[in-house]
Every structure is written in structure tokens, then in C-alpha cells.
PDB file of N, CA and C in Angstrom:
ATOM      1  N   UNK A   1       5.355 -17.907  14.177  1.00  0.00           N
ATOM      2  CA  UNK A   1       6.993 -17.179  14.222  1.00  0.00           C
ATOM      3  C   UNK A   1       6.218 -16.426  12.906  1.00  0.00           C
ATOM      4  N   UNK A   2       6.668 -15.032  12.642  1.00  0.00           N
ATOM      5  CA  UNK A   2       6.999 -14.713  11.323  1.00  0.00           C
ATOM      6  C   UNK A   2       7.747 -14.814  10.024  1.00  0.00           C
ATOM      7  N   UNK A   3       7.931 -14.965   9.354  1.00  0.00           N
ATOM      8  CA  UNK A   3       8.940 -15.058   8.467  1.00  0.00           C
ATOM      9  C   UNK A   3       8.811 -14.549   7.298  1.00  0.00           C
ATOM     10  N   UNK A   4       9.846 -13.712   7.300  1.00  0.00           N
ATOM     11  CA  UNK A   4       9.591 -12.568   6.325  1.00  0.00           C
ATOM     12  C   UNK A   4      10.130 -12.917   5.069  1.00  0.00           C
ATOM     13  N   UNK A   5      10.857 -13.691   4.702  1.00  0.00           N
ATOM     14  CA  UNK A   5      11.155 -14.673   3.608  1.00  0.00           C
ATOM     15  C   UNK A   5      10.063 -14.829   2.968  1.00  0.00           C
ATOM     16  N   UNK A   6       8.839 -15.653   3.696  1.00  0.00           N
ATOM     17  CA  UNK A   6       8.493 -16.308   3.418  1.00  0.00           C
ATOM     18  C   UNK A   6       6.681 -15.612   2.903  1.00  0.00           C
ATOM     19  N   UNK A   7       6.413 -14.488   3.688  1.00  0.00           N
ATOM     20  CA  UNK A   7       5.609 -13.478   3.305  1.00  0.00           C
ATOM     21  C   UNK A   7       6.022 -12.812   2.233  1.00  0.00           C
ATOM     22  N   UNK A   8       7.134 -12.110   2.410  1.00  0.00           N
ATOM     23  CA  UNK A   8       7.858 -11.399   0.992  1.00  0.00           C
ATOM     24  C   UNK A   8       7.689 -12.501  -0.252  1.00  0.00           C
ATOM     25  N   UNK A   9       8.000 -13.710  -0.016  1.00  0.00           N
ATOM     26  CA  UNK A   9       8.023 -14.776  -1.305  1.00  0.00           C
ATOM     27  C   UNK A   9       6.630 -14.769  -1.689  1.00  0.00           C
ATOM     28  N   UNK A  10       5.735 -14.351  -1.019  1.00  0.00           N
ATOM     29  CA  UNK A  10       4.320 -14.965  -1.367  1.00  0.00           C
ATOM     30  C   UNK A  10       3.279 -13.851  -1.593  1.00  0.00           C
ATOM     31  N   UNK A  11       4.052 -12.943  -1.686  1.00  0.00           N
ATOM     32  CA  UNK A  11       3.484 -11.687  -1.841  1.00  0.00           C
ATOM     33  C   UNK A  11       4.183 -11.312  -3.267  1.00  0.00           C
ATOM     34  N   UNK A  12       5.322 -11.768  -3.809  1.00  0.00           N
ATOM     35  CA  UNK A  12       5.528 -11.802  -5.209  1.00  0.00           C
ATOM     36  C   UNK A  12       4.867 -13.001  -6.323  1.00  0.00           C
ATOM     37  N   UNK A  13       4.910 -14.391  -5.558  1.00  0.00           N
ATOM     38  CA  UNK A  13       3.810 -14.495  -6.828  1.00  0.00           C
ATOM     39  C   UNK A  13       2.183 -14.728  -6.650  1.00  0.00           C
ATOM     40  N   UNK A  14       2.194 -13.575  -5.298  1.00  0.00           N
ATOM     41  CA  UNK A  14       0.491 -13.726  -5.633  1.00  0.00           C
ATOM     42  C   UNK A  14       0.330 -12.204  -6.772  1.00  0.00           C
ATOM     43  N   UNK A  15       1.759 -11.205  -6.237  1.00  0.00           N
ATOM     44  CA  UNK A  15       1.323 -10.404  -7.148  1.00  0.00           C
ATOM     45  C   UNK A  15       1.347 -10.108  -9.347  1.00  0.00           C
ATOM     46  N   UNK A  16       2.115 -11.463  -8.840  1.00  0.00           N
ATOM     47  CA  UNK A  16       2.989 -12.049 -10.256  1.00  0.00           C
ATOM     48  C   UNK A  16       1.375 -12.012 -11.086  1.00  0.00           C
ATOM     49  N   UNK A  17       0.246 -12.900 -10.493  1.00  0.00           N
ATOM     50  CA  UNK A  17      -1.190 -12.785 -11.127  1.00  0.00           C
ATOM     51  C   UNK A  17      -2.099 -12.218 -11.439  1.00  0.00           C
ATOM     52  N   UNK A  18      -1.522 -10.952 -10.245  1.00  0.00           N
ATOM     53  CA  UNK A  18      -1.824  -9.485 -11.168  1.00  0.00           C
ATOM     54  C   UNK A  18      -1.620  -9.231 -12.403  1.00  0.00           C
ATOM     55  N   UNK A  19      -0.414  -9.205 -11.636  1.00  0.00           N
ATOM     56  CA  UNK A  19       0.607  -8.728 -13.065  1.00  0.00           C
ATOM     57  C   UNK A  19      -0.223  -9.137 -14.485  1.00  0.00           C
ATOM     58  N   UNK A  20      -0.477 -10.520 -14.166  1.00  0.00           N
ATOM     59  CA  UNK A  20      -0.560 -10.960 -15.874  1.00  0.00           C
ATOM     60  C   UNK A  20      -2.276 -10.418 -15.856  1.00  0.00           C
ATOM     61  N   UNK A  21      -2.921 -10.561 -14.883  1.00  0.00           N
ATOM     62  CA  UNK A  21      -4.240 -10.137 -15.312  1.00  0.00           C
ATOM     63  C   UNK A  21      -4.288  -8.746 -15.905  1.00  0.00           C
ATOM     64  N   UNK A  22      -3.753  -8.382 -15.389  1.00  0.00           N
ATOM     65  CA  UNK A  22      -3.473  -6.965 -16.069  1.00  0.00           C
ATOM     66  C   UNK A  22      -3.226  -6.605 -16.944  1.00  0.00           C
ATOM     67  N   UNK A  23      -1.822  -7.096 -17.433  1.00  0.00           N
ATOM     68  CA  UNK A  23      -1.518  -7.402 -18.868  1.00  0.00           C
ATOM     69  C   UNK A  23      -2.169  -7.834 -19.614  1.00  0.00           C
ATOM     70  N   UNK A  24      -3.583  -8.357 -19.439  1.00  0.00           N
ATOM     71  CA  UNK A  24      -4.513  -8.559 -20.879  1.00  0.00           C
ATOM     72  C   UNK A  24      -5.062  -8.200 -20.733  1.00  0.00           C
ATOM     73  N   UNK A  25      -5.784  -7.047 -19.563  1.00  0.00           N
ATOM     74  CA  UNK A  25      -6.631  -5.673 -19.879  1.00  0.00           C
ATOM     75  C   UNK A  25      -6.238  -4.617 -20.395  1.00  0.00           C
ATOM     76  N   UNK A  26      -4.775  -4.301 -20.509  1.00  0.00           N
ATOM     77  CA  UNK A  26      -4.100  -3.438 -21.549  1.00  0.00           C
ATOM     78  C   UNK A  26      -4.274  -4.260 -22.889  1.00  0.00           C
ATOM     79  N   UNK A  27      -3.630  -6.017 -22.907  1.00  0.00           N
ATOM     80  CA  UNK A  27      -3.238  -5.742 -24.186  1.00  0.00           C
ATOM     81  C   UNK A  27      -4.722  -5.639 -25.570  1.00  0.00           C
ATOM     82  N   UNK A  28      -5.807  -5.769 -24.646  1.00  0.00           N
ATOM     83  CA  UNK A  28      -7.468  -5.767 -25.318  1.00  0.00           C
ATOM     84  C   UNK A  28      -7.377  -3.897 -25.784  1.00  0.00           C
ATOM     85  N   UNK A  29      -7.004  -3.510 -24.619  1.00  0.00           N
ATOM     86  CA  UNK A  29      -7.494  -1.492 -25.016  1.00  0.00           C
ATOM     87  C   UNK A  29      -8.707  -1.445 -24.740  1.00  0.00           C
ATOM     88  N   UNK A  30      -8.644  -0.525 -25.182  1.00  0.00           N
ATOM     89  CA  UNK A  30     -10.560  -0.155 -25.244  1.00  0.00           C
ATOM     90  C   UNK A  30      -9.991   1.735 -24.049  1.00  0.00           C
ATOM     91  N   UNK A  31     -11.494   1.505 -23.683  1.00  0.00           N
ATOM     92  CA  UNK A  31     -11.827   2.169 -22.610  1.00  0.00           C
ATOM     93  C   UNK A  31     -11.385   1.693 -21.261  1.00  0.00           C
ATOM     94  N   UNK A  32     -11.775  -0.223 -21.278  1.00  0.00           N
ATOM     95  CA  UNK A  32     -11.366  -0.570 -20.625  1.00  0.00           C
ATOM     96  C   UNK A  32     -10.046  -0.845 -20.191  1.00  0.00           C
ATOM     97  N   UNK A  33      -8.910  -1.245 -21.262  1.00  0.00           N
ATOM     98  CA  UNK A  33      -7.310  -0.837 -21.014  1.00  0.00           C
ATOM     99  C   UNK A  33      -7.183   0.583 -20.448  1.00  0.00           C
ATOM    100  N   UNK A  34      -7.798   1.440 -20.430  1.00  0.00           N
ATOM    101  CA  UNK A  34      -7.191   2.481 -20.303  1.00  0.00           C
ATOM    102  C   UNK A  34      -7.375   3.041 -18.662  1.00  0.00           C
ATOM    103  N   UNK A  35      -8.776   2.047 -18.434  1.00  0.00           N
ATOM    104  CA  UNK A  35      -9.229   2.578 -16.941  1.00  0.00           C
ATOM    105  C   UNK A  35      -8.669   1.775 -16.105  1.00  0.00           C
ATOM    106  N   UNK A  36      -7.953   0.198 -16.575  1.00  0.00           N
ATOM    107  CA  UNK A  36      -7.352  -0.426 -15.777  1.00  0.00           C
ATOM    108  C   UNK A  36      -5.881   0.350 -15.122  1.00  0.00           C
ATOM    109  N   UNK A  37      -5.130   0.808 -16.524  1.00  0.00           N
ATOM    110  CA  UNK A  37      -4.175   1.965 -16.484  1.00  0.00           C
ATOM    111  C   UNK A  37      -3.708   2.856 -15.407  1.00  0.00           C
ATOM    112  N   UNK A  38      -4.792   3.759 -15.589  1.00  0.00           N
ATOM    113  CA  UNK A  38      -5.306   4.978 -14.346  1.00  0.00           C
ATOM    114  C   UNK A  38      -5.329   4.030 -13.231  1.00  0.00           C
ATOM    115  N   UNK A  39      -6.716   3.436 -13.079  1.00  0.00           N
ATOM    116  CA  UNK A  39      -6.289   2.660 -11.505  1.00  0.00           C
ATOM    117  C   UNK A  39      -5.169   1.517 -11.496  1.00  0.00           C
ATOM    118  N   UNK A  40      -4.294   1.013 -11.423  1.00  0.00           N
ATOM    119  CA  UNK A  40      -3.127   0.946 -11.657  1.00  0.00           C
ATOM    120  C   UNK A  40      -2.084   2.042 -11.074  1.00  0.00           C
ATOM    121  N   UNK A  41      -1.625   3.126 -11.571  1.00  0.00           N
ATOM    122  CA  UNK A  41      -1.063   4.096 -11.033  1.00  0.00           C
ATOM    123  C   UNK A  41      -1.341   4.708  -9.775  1.00  0.00           C
ATOM    124  N   UNK A  42      -3.167   5.070  -9.445  1.00  0.00           N
ATOM    125  CA  UNK A  42      -3.977   5.339  -8.611  1.00  0.00           C
ATOM    126  C   UNK A  42      -3.814   4.188  -7.577  1.00  0.00           C
ATOM    127  N   UNK A  43      -3.521   3.386  -7.284  1.00  0.00           N
ATOM    128  CA  UNK A  43      -3.142   2.205  -6.365  1.00  0.00           C
ATOM    129  C   UNK A  43      -1.575   1.876  -5.437  1.00  0.00           C
ATOM    130  N   UNK A  44      -1.132   2.773  -6.789  1.00  0.00           N
ATOM    131  CA  UNK A  44       0.529   2.280  -6.201  1.00  0.00           C
ATOM    132  C   UNK A  44       0.946   3.134  -5.705  1.00  0.00           C
ATOM    133  N   UNK A  45       0.558   4.013  -6.114  1.00  0.00           N
ATOM    134  CA  UNK A  45       0.466   5.668  -4.999  1.00  0.00           C
ATOM    135  C   UNK A  45       0.294   5.568  -3.709  1.00  0.00           C
ATOM    136  N   UNK A  46      -1.095   5.096  -3.615  1.00  0.00           N
ATOM    137  CA  UNK A  46      -1.523   5.218  -2.442  1.00  0.00           C
ATOM    138  C   UNK A  46      -1.218   3.711  -1.229  1.00  0.00           C
ATOM    139  N   UNK A  47      -1.480   2.914  -2.149  1.00  0.00           N
ATOM    140  CA  UNK A  47      -0.201   1.698  -1.596  1.00  0.00           C
ATOM    141  C   UNK A  47       0.806   2.083  -1.220  1.00  0.00           C
ATOM    142  N   UNK A  48       2.027   2.561  -1.761  1.00  0.00           N
ATOM    143  CA  UNK A  48       3.248   3.164  -1.465  1.00  0.00           C
ATOM    144  C   UNK A  48       2.893   4.593  -0.628  1.00  0.00           C
ATOM    145  N   UNK A  49       1.828   5.535  -0.095  1.00  0.00           N
ATOM    146  CA  UNK A  49       1.646   6.492   0.760  1.00  0.00           C
ATOM    147  C   UNK A  49       1.270   5.661   1.974  1.00  0.00           C
ATOM    148  N   UNK A  50       0.528   4.737   2.319  1.00  0.00           N
ATOM    149  CA  UNK A  50      -0.302   3.795   3.067  1.00  0.00           C
ATOM    150  C   UNK A  50       1.568   2.944   3.786  1.00  0.00           C
ATOM    151  N   UNK A  51       1.705   2.705   2.790  1.00  0.00           N
ATOM    152  CA  UNK A  51       3.082   1.750   3.902  1.00  0.00           C
ATOM    153  C   UNK A  51       4.085   2.540   4.393  1.00  0.00           C
ATOM    154  N   UNK A  52       4.590   3.869   3.380  1.00  0.00           N
ATOM    155  CA  UNK A  52       4.999   5.404   4.446  1.00  0.00           C
ATOM    156  C   UNK A  52       4.815   5.949   5.592  1.00  0.00           C
ATOM    157  N   UNK A  53       3.123   5.774   5.592  1.00  0.00           N
ATOM    158  CA  UNK A  53       2.630   5.781   6.838  1.00  0.00           C
ATOM    159  C   UNK A  53       3.049   5.240   7.625  1.00  0.00           C
ATOM    160  N   UNK A  54       2.319   4.093   7.481  1.00  0.00           N
ATOM    161  CA  UNK A  54       2.368   3.226   8.468  1.00  0.00           C
ATOM    162  C   UNK A  54       3.447   2.599   9.409  1.00  0.00           C
ATOM    163  N   UNK A  55       4.885   2.435   8.427  1.00  0.00           N
ATOM    164  CA  UNK A  55       6.125   2.883   9.624  1.00  0.00           C
ATOM    165  C   UNK A  55       6.203   4.260   9.689  1.00  0.00           C
ATOM    166  N   UNK A  56       5.681   5.152   9.759  1.00  0.00           N
ATOM    167  CA  UNK A  56       6.139   6.286   9.899  1.00  0.00           C
ATOM    168  C   UNK A  56       5.825   6.488  11.570  1.00  0.00           C
ATOM    169  N   UNK A  57       4.244   6.255  11.479  1.00  0.00           N
ATOM    170  CA  UNK A  57       3.856   5.316  13.057  1.00  0.00           C
ATOM    171  C   UNK A  57       3.884   4.658  13.841  1.00  0.00           C
ATOM    172  N   UNK A  58       5.924   3.722  13.322  1.00  0.00           N
ATOM    173  CA  UNK A  58       5.567   3.010  14.207  1.00  0.00           C
ATOM    174  C   UNK A  58       5.397   1.580  13.594  1.00  0.00           C
ATOM    175  N   UNK A  59       4.875   1.391  12.205  1.00  0.00           N
ATOM    176  CA  UNK A  59       4.548  -0.298  12.291  1.00  0.00           C
ATOM    177  C   UNK A  59       4.922  -0.624  11.792  1.00  0.00           C
ATOM    178  N   UNK A  60       4.940  -2.550  11.866  1.00  0.00           N
ATOM    179  CA  UNK A  60       6.327  -2.830  11.531  1.00  0.00           C
ATOM    180  C   UNK A  60       6.200  -3.405   9.888  1.00  0.00           C
ATOM    181  N   UNK A  61       7.509  -3.374   9.431  1.00  0.00           N
ATOM    182  CA  UNK A  61       7.952  -4.367   8.175  1.00  0.00           C
ATOM    183  C   UNK A  61       6.503  -5.280   7.892  1.00  0.00           C
ATOM    184  N   UNK A  62       6.283  -6.115   8.875  1.00  0.00           N
ATOM    185  CA  UNK A  62       4.605  -7.808   8.560  1.00  0.00           C
ATOM    186  C   UNK A  62       3.790  -7.025   8.411  1.00  0.00           C
ATOM    187  N   UNK A  63       3.229  -5.520   9.081  1.00  0.00           N
ATOM    188  CA  UNK A  63       2.146  -4.591   8.790  1.00  0.00           C
ATOM    189  C   UNK A  63       2.225  -4.448   7.660  1.00  0.00           C
ATOM    190  N   UNK A  64       2.909  -3.585   6.891  1.00  0.00           N
ATOM    191  CA  UNK A  64       2.878  -3.521   5.343  1.00  0.00           C
ATOM    192  C   UNK A  64       2.953  -4.502   4.281  1.00  0.00           C
ATOM    193  N   UNK A  65       3.507  -5.682   4.198  1.00  0.00           N
ATOM    194  CA  UNK A  65       3.896  -7.228   3.661  1.00  0.00           C
ATOM    195  C   UNK A  65       2.254  -7.521   3.523  1.00  0.00           C
ATOM    196  N   UNK A  66       2.298  -7.747   4.508  1.00  0.00           N
ATOM    197  CA  UNK A  66       0.252  -8.308   5.313  1.00  0.00           C
ATOM    198  C   UNK A  66      -0.669  -7.185   3.920  1.00  0.00           C
ATOM    199  N   UNK A  67      -0.478  -5.913   4.602  1.00  0.00           N
ATOM    200  CA  UNK A  67      -1.218  -5.329   3.979  1.00  0.00           C
ATOM    201  C   UNK A  67      -1.681  -5.006   2.208  1.00  0.00           C
ATOM    202  N   UNK A  68      -0.488  -4.850   2.241  1.00  0.00           N
ATOM    203  CA  UNK A  68       0.054  -5.975   0.575  1.00  0.00           C
ATOM    204  C   UNK A  68      -0.657  -6.453  -0.179  1.00  0.00           C
ATOM    205  N   UNK A  69      -0.585  -7.798   1.000  1.00  0.00           N
ATOM    206  CA  UNK A  69      -1.304  -9.263   0.249  1.00  0.00           C
ATOM    207  C   UNK A  69      -2.561  -8.762  -0.090  1.00  0.00           C
ATOM    208  N   UNK A  70      -3.026  -8.124   1.084  1.00  0.00           N
ATOM    209  CA  UNK A  70      -5.025  -7.898   0.893  1.00  0.00           C
ATOM    210  C   UNK A  70      -4.585  -6.609  -0.457  1.00  0.00           C
ATOM    211  N   UNK A  71      -4.447  -5.888  -1.221  1.00  0.00           N
ATOM    212  CA  UNK A  71      -4.524  -5.215  -1.682  1.00  0.00           C
ATOM    213  C   UNK A  71      -4.156  -6.278  -2.815  1.00  0.00           C
ATOM    214  N   UNK A  72      -3.876  -6.807  -3.767  1.00  0.00           N
ATOM    215  CA  UNK A  72      -2.708  -7.762  -4.033  1.00  0.00           C
ATOM    216  C   UNK A  72      -4.464  -8.806  -4.154  1.00  0.00           C
ATOM    217  N   UNK A  73      -4.911  -9.006  -3.135  1.00  0.00           N
ATOM    218  CA  UNK A  73      -5.840 -10.559  -2.776  1.00  0.00           C
ATOM    219  C   UNK A  73      -7.081 -10.142  -3.970  1.00  0.00           C
ATOM    220  N   UNK A  74      -7.608  -8.400  -3.502  1.00  0.00           N
ATOM    221  CA  UNK A  74      -8.421  -7.644  -4.048  1.00  0.00           C
ATOM    222  C   UNK A  74      -8.666  -7.251  -5.592  1.00  0.00           C
ATOM    223  N   UNK A  75      -7.400  -6.939  -5.740  1.00  0.00           N
ATOM    224  CA  UNK A  75      -7.095  -6.707  -6.648  1.00  0.00           C
ATOM    225  C   UNK A  75      -7.506  -8.214  -8.228  1.00  0.00           C
ATOM    226  N   UNK A  76      -6.884  -9.068  -7.599  1.00  0.00           N
ATOM    227  CA  UNK A  76      -7.352 -10.569  -8.315  1.00  0.00           C
ATOM    228  C   UNK A  76      -8.222 -10.675  -8.063  1.00  0.00           C
ATOM    229  N   UNK A  77      -8.997 -10.980  -7.940  1.00  0.00           N
ATOM    230  CA  UNK A  77     -10.759 -11.009  -6.472  1.00  0.00           C
ATOM    231  C   UNK A  77     -11.119  -9.634  -8.263  1.00  0.00           C
ATOM    232  N   UNK A  78     -11.210  -8.612  -8.353  1.00  0.00           N
ATOM    233  CA  UNK A  78     -11.805  -7.629  -9.204  1.00  0.00           C
ATOM    234  C   UNK A  78     -11.335  -8.127 -10.173  1.00  0.00           C
ATOM    235  N   UNK A  79     -10.049  -8.609 -10.701  1.00  0.00           N
ATOM    236  CA  UNK A  79     -10.293  -8.584 -11.393  1.00  0.00           C
ATOM    237  C   UNK A  79     -10.234 -10.063 -13.012  1.00  0.00           C
ATOM    238  N   UNK A  80     -10.528 -10.907 -11.979  1.00  0.00           N
ATOM    239  CA  UNK A  80     -10.741 -12.700 -11.734  1.00  0.00           C
ATOM    240  C   UNK A  80     -12.451 -11.911 -12.687  1.00  0.00           C
ATOM    241  N   UNK A  81     -13.675 -11.498 -11.740  1.00  0.00           N
ATOM    242  CA  UNK A  81     -14.763 -11.718 -11.547  1.00  0.00           C
ATOM    243  C   UNK A  81     -15.044 -10.604 -13.080  1.00  0.00           C
ATOM    244  N   UNK A  82     -14.637 -10.182 -13.860  1.00  0.00           N
ATOM    245  CA  UNK A  82     -15.150  -8.983 -15.317  1.00  0.00           C
ATOM    246  C   UNK A  82     -14.953 -10.487 -16.122  1.00  0.00           C
TER     247      UNK A  82
END
């Protein structure tokens, strides 16, 4: 059974780690900080567009949350690799 509270809570917790990793990258500055700032804005616009499209074509909020969690997991993996 789907629990929207649990999924939303997990998304918030997982996203907090990405925020932490991105702030460190931004604080270091330089070309990596600039690239991360640009990437962050582009990713957010794309994710929002994807969410709107999903909902417009009859997708569920559960699908949107699951997809956001996939994006967050990919960002965590990418930011920890460097």
C-alpha cells in the first residue's frame, strides 16, 4: 500500500543530503561551483517540467514523487563520486 506521507518524508530527507553536498561544492567556488549552480537550475526546471507533464497525462502524484527520488539519488551518487 502506498503511503504518501512516508514517500514525501523520505524525499525530504534524501534531498537534504543533496543540498548539503551542493552547498559544499558552491562554497568551494571556481569553475566546479559555477557548473554546479548552472546544473542545479537546469535540473530543477527539467524536473518540474517532467512532473507537470506526468500529471497532465494522467500520472499520479506517487509517480512524480518516485521520479523525484530517482533524480535525488542520481545527484547524490554524482556529487559523492567527485
